[in-house]
Amino acid sequence: MSPEYLEFKCSSYFADTPLSDPSHDQLQRWPFADRIAKSIAYADHSHAFTIGIMGPSGSGKTSLLQFTRRKLKEFDHIISFSLNAWANEHEHQLILALFSSLSEVIKKHLPQAHSALQDWTTQSLNPYLKHLVSQGKSMELGKGSSVQLEKLKMGLRDILHRNQKRL
């Protein structure tokens, strides 16, 4: 163990800092993260699903998330990425951040599919995101945007399926 960890462990308080190393897990979040990661990796991939992590401040939510992402790296067919939804004030910012993150992770893990995703993004989002924010006001995505976003989602799903990957 590192001297910093020993000093941390021997102190009379614990820092409210998320963990990424399971060897420091005193709240036993690693076994739970392992089960979550396996549930994600082995789930029926024909349907999307959501996992909610709720708890009070300091209860280990972020550590659990980081442990889960660490475990997911063991599965070659899983591509994991993060998106901080709270960092985006408006819907269009969130959508741009999502597709920017998706683009980066696809570029890293599936470089041959990156241009296809860019094409889908350009065709699907540009008509609705030309005028982003005017004087701090949110814009509406526009009529038909849900149809275009559905096409983008289907295109992304097709790219991932052809490459035997999951997000």
Foldseek 3Di string as FASTA:
>chain_A
DDPVVVVQVPDPDHDLDADQDCVSDPLPLLVVLLVVLVCVLPPDPVDDDDDDDDDDRSNRRVNSVNSNVVNNVVRLQEQDDDDDQVVDDEPVSSVVRVLVRVLVSCCVNPVVCNVVLVVLCCVQQCVQCVPQDDPNDGDDSDPPSVVSVVVSVVSVVVVSVVVSHDD
